[in-house]
C-alpha atoms as a PDB file:
ATOM      1  CA  MET A   1      77.312-148.292 -47.504  1.00  0.00           C
ATOM      2  CA  ASN A   2      78.409-145.893 -44.762  1.00  0.00           C
ATOM      3  CA  LYS A   3      75.336-147.082 -42.344  1.00  0.00           C
ATOM      4  CA  PRO A   4      77.350-148.451 -39.585  1.00  0.00           C
ATOM      5  CA  ARG A   5      79.903-145.115 -39.640  1.00  0.00           C
ATOM      6  CA  ASN A   6      76.983-142.755 -39.607  1.00  0.00           C
ATOM      7  CA  LYS A   7      75.313-144.879 -36.500  1.00  0.00           C
ATOM      8  CA  LYS A   8      78.708-144.640 -34.703  1.00  0.00           C
ATOM      9  CA  LEU A   9      78.831-140.868 -35.412  1.00  0.00           C
ATOM     10  CA  LEU A  10      75.288-140.106 -34.282  1.00  0.00           C
ATOM     11  CA  LEU A  11      75.913-142.137 -31.185  1.00  0.00           C
ATOM     12  CA  LEU A  12      79.182-140.172 -30.688  1.00  0.00           C
ATOM     13  CA  VAL A  13      77.398-136.917 -30.957  1.00  0.00           C
ATOM     14  CA  ILE A  14      74.468-138.051 -28.841  1.00  0.00           C
ATOM     15  CA  SER A  15      76.937-139.156 -25.943  1.00  0.00           C
ATOM     16  CA  LEU A  16      78.847-136.132 -26.028  1.00  0.00           C
ATOM     17  CA  PHE A  17      75.584-133.795 -25.635  1.00  0.00           C
ATOM     18  CA  LEU A  18      74.506-136.156 -22.664  1.00  0.00           C
ATOM     19  CA  LEU A  19      77.812-135.738 -21.149  1.00  0.00           C
ATOM     20  CA  LEU A  20      78.018-132.002 -21.775  1.00  0.00           C
ATOM     21  CA  LEU A  21      74.397-131.350 -20.348  1.00  0.00           C
ATOM     22  CA  PRO A  22      75.015-132.096 -16.509  1.00  0.00           C
ATOM     23  CA  ILE A  23      78.292-129.604 -16.891  1.00  0.00           C
ATOM     24  CA  LEU A  24      76.157-126.777 -18.549  1.00  0.00           C
ATOM     25  CA  PHE A  25      73.645-127.381 -15.677  1.00  0.00           C
ATOM     26  CA  MET A  26      76.040-127.354 -12.930  1.00  0.00           C
ATOM     27  CA  VAL A  27      77.808-124.341 -14.279  1.00  0.00           C
ATOM     28  CA  ASP A  28      74.813-122.332 -14.384  1.00  0.00           C
ATOM     29  CA  TYR A  29      73.315-123.731 -11.022  1.00  0.00           C
ATOM     30  CA  ASN A  30      76.602-122.597  -9.368  1.00  0.00           C
ATOM     31  CA  ARG A  31      76.256-119.187 -11.085  1.00  0.00           C
ATOM     32  CA  ALA A  32      72.734-118.841  -9.302  1.00  0.00           C
ATOM     33  CA  LEU A  33      73.852-119.792  -6.180  1.00  0.00           C
ATOM     34  CA  ASN A  34      76.449-116.796  -6.144  1.00  0.00           C
ATOM     35  CA  ASP A  35      73.778-114.155  -7.499  1.00  0.00           C
ATOM     36  CA  ARG A  36      75.232-114.322 -10.766  1.00  0.00           C
ATOM     37  CA  PRO A  37      73.214-114.781 -14.425  1.00  0.00           C
ATOM     38  CA  PRO A  38      73.708-117.900 -16.274  1.00  0.00           C
ATOM     39  CA  LEU A  39      76.029-118.694 -19.098  1.00  0.00           C
ATOM     40  CA  PHE A  40      74.312-121.376 -20.727  1.00  0.00           C
ATOM     41  CA  ALA A  41      70.687-120.230 -20.767  1.00  0.00           C
ATOM     42  CA  ILE A  42      68.950-118.094 -22.829  1.00  0.00           C
ATOM     43  CA  LYS A  43      67.134-114.617 -21.780  1.00  0.00           C
ATOM     44  CA  THR A  44      63.477-115.036 -22.817  1.00  0.00           C
ATOM     45  CA  GLN A  45      61.701-112.353 -21.028  1.00  0.00           C
ATOM     46  CA  VAL A  46      62.578-109.223 -19.192  1.00  0.00           C
ATOM     47  CA  TYR A  47      59.988-107.662 -16.951  1.00  0.00           C
ATOM     48  CA  LYS A  48      59.554-103.855 -16.559  1.00  0.00           C
ATOM     49  CA  ASP A  49      59.706-104.047 -12.795  1.00  0.00           C
ATOM     50  CA  GLY A  50      63.281-103.203 -12.574  1.00  0.00           C
ATOM     51  CA  GLY A  51      64.926-105.563 -15.003  1.00  0.00           C
ATOM     52  CA  THR A  52      63.652-108.981 -13.841  1.00  0.00           C
ATOM     53  CA  SER A  53      65.019-111.366 -16.416  1.00  0.00           C
ATOM     54  CA  ILE A  54      63.687-114.865 -17.273  1.00  0.00           C
ATOM     55  CA  TYR A  55      66.298-117.176 -18.651  1.00  0.00           C
ATOM     56  CA  LEU A  56      65.680-120.717 -20.047  1.00  0.00           C
ATOM     57  CA  GLY A  57      68.167-123.736 -20.324  1.00  0.00           C
ATOM     58  CA  ILE A  58      67.733-127.164 -21.418  1.00  0.00           C
ATOM     59  CA  GLY A  59      65.545-128.521 -18.528  1.00  0.00           C
ATOM     60  CA  TYR A  60      65.779-125.616 -16.044  1.00  0.00           C
ATOM     61  CA  GLN A  61      64.876-122.117 -15.905  1.00  0.00           C
ATOM     62  CA  VAL A  62      66.697-119.010 -14.174  1.00  0.00           C
ATOM     63  CA  ILE A  63      64.651-116.181 -12.692  1.00  0.00           C
ATOM     64  CA  ASP A  64      67.098-113.211 -12.054  1.00  0.00           C
ATOM     65  CA  TYR A  65      64.768-110.836  -9.881  1.00  0.00           C
ATOM     66  CA  ASN A  66      65.747-107.060  -9.926  1.00  0.00           C
ATOM     67  CA  GLN A  67      62.787-105.501  -8.697  1.00  0.00           C
ATOM     68  CA  VAL A  68      62.820-101.802  -7.631  1.00  0.00           C
ATOM     69  CA  ASP A  69      61.234-102.239  -4.263  1.00  0.00           C
ATOM     70  CA  GLY A  70      61.749-105.798  -3.959  1.00  0.00           C
ATOM     71  CA  ARG A  71      63.587-109.139  -4.710  1.00  0.00           C
ATOM     72  CA  LYS A  72      67.210-109.178  -5.756  1.00  0.00           C
ATOM     73  CA  ASP A  73      68.055-112.626  -6.122  1.00  0.00           C
ATOM     74  CA  ILE A  74      68.424-115.341  -8.526  1.00  0.00           C
ATOM     75  CA  VAL A  75      66.271-118.612  -8.556  1.00  0.00           C
ATOM     76  CA  PHE A  76      66.944-121.696 -10.264  1.00  0.00           C
ATOM     77  CA  LYS A  77      64.057-124.067 -11.233  1.00  0.00           C
ATOM     78  CA  SER A  78      63.451-126.986 -12.937  1.00  0.00           C
ATOM     79  CA  VAL A  79      61.202-126.905 -15.956  1.00  0.00           C
ATOM     80  CA  PHE A  80      60.024-130.575 -15.204  1.00  0.00           C
ATOM     81  CA  VAL A  81      58.734-130.096 -11.567  1.00  0.00           C
ATOM     82  CA  SER A  82      55.589-127.857 -10.962  1.00  0.00           C
ATOM     83  CA  ASN A  83      55.109-126.371  -7.512  1.00  0.00           C
ATOM     84  CA  GLY A  84      51.470-126.773  -7.806  1.00  0.00           C
ATOM     85  CA  SER A  85      50.421-123.028  -8.821  1.00  0.00           C
END
């Protein structure tokens, strides 16, 4: 009975998700450019090198380096592109 309505609702939810995804991506990307941690990515690992943190978002990864005697920057990487290593 409600198949057309359920399809429309599902299409609406998927459309909203696809519209929000680039916005979330750009917010976290701009924060990484300004050496700030991401808002919409989940912290997955913390290393014991001074506090380097790995965050995982939908389609991207953010590495917040905080080494005792080393890097103190933030790197934004795509999950889909490999650097060959």
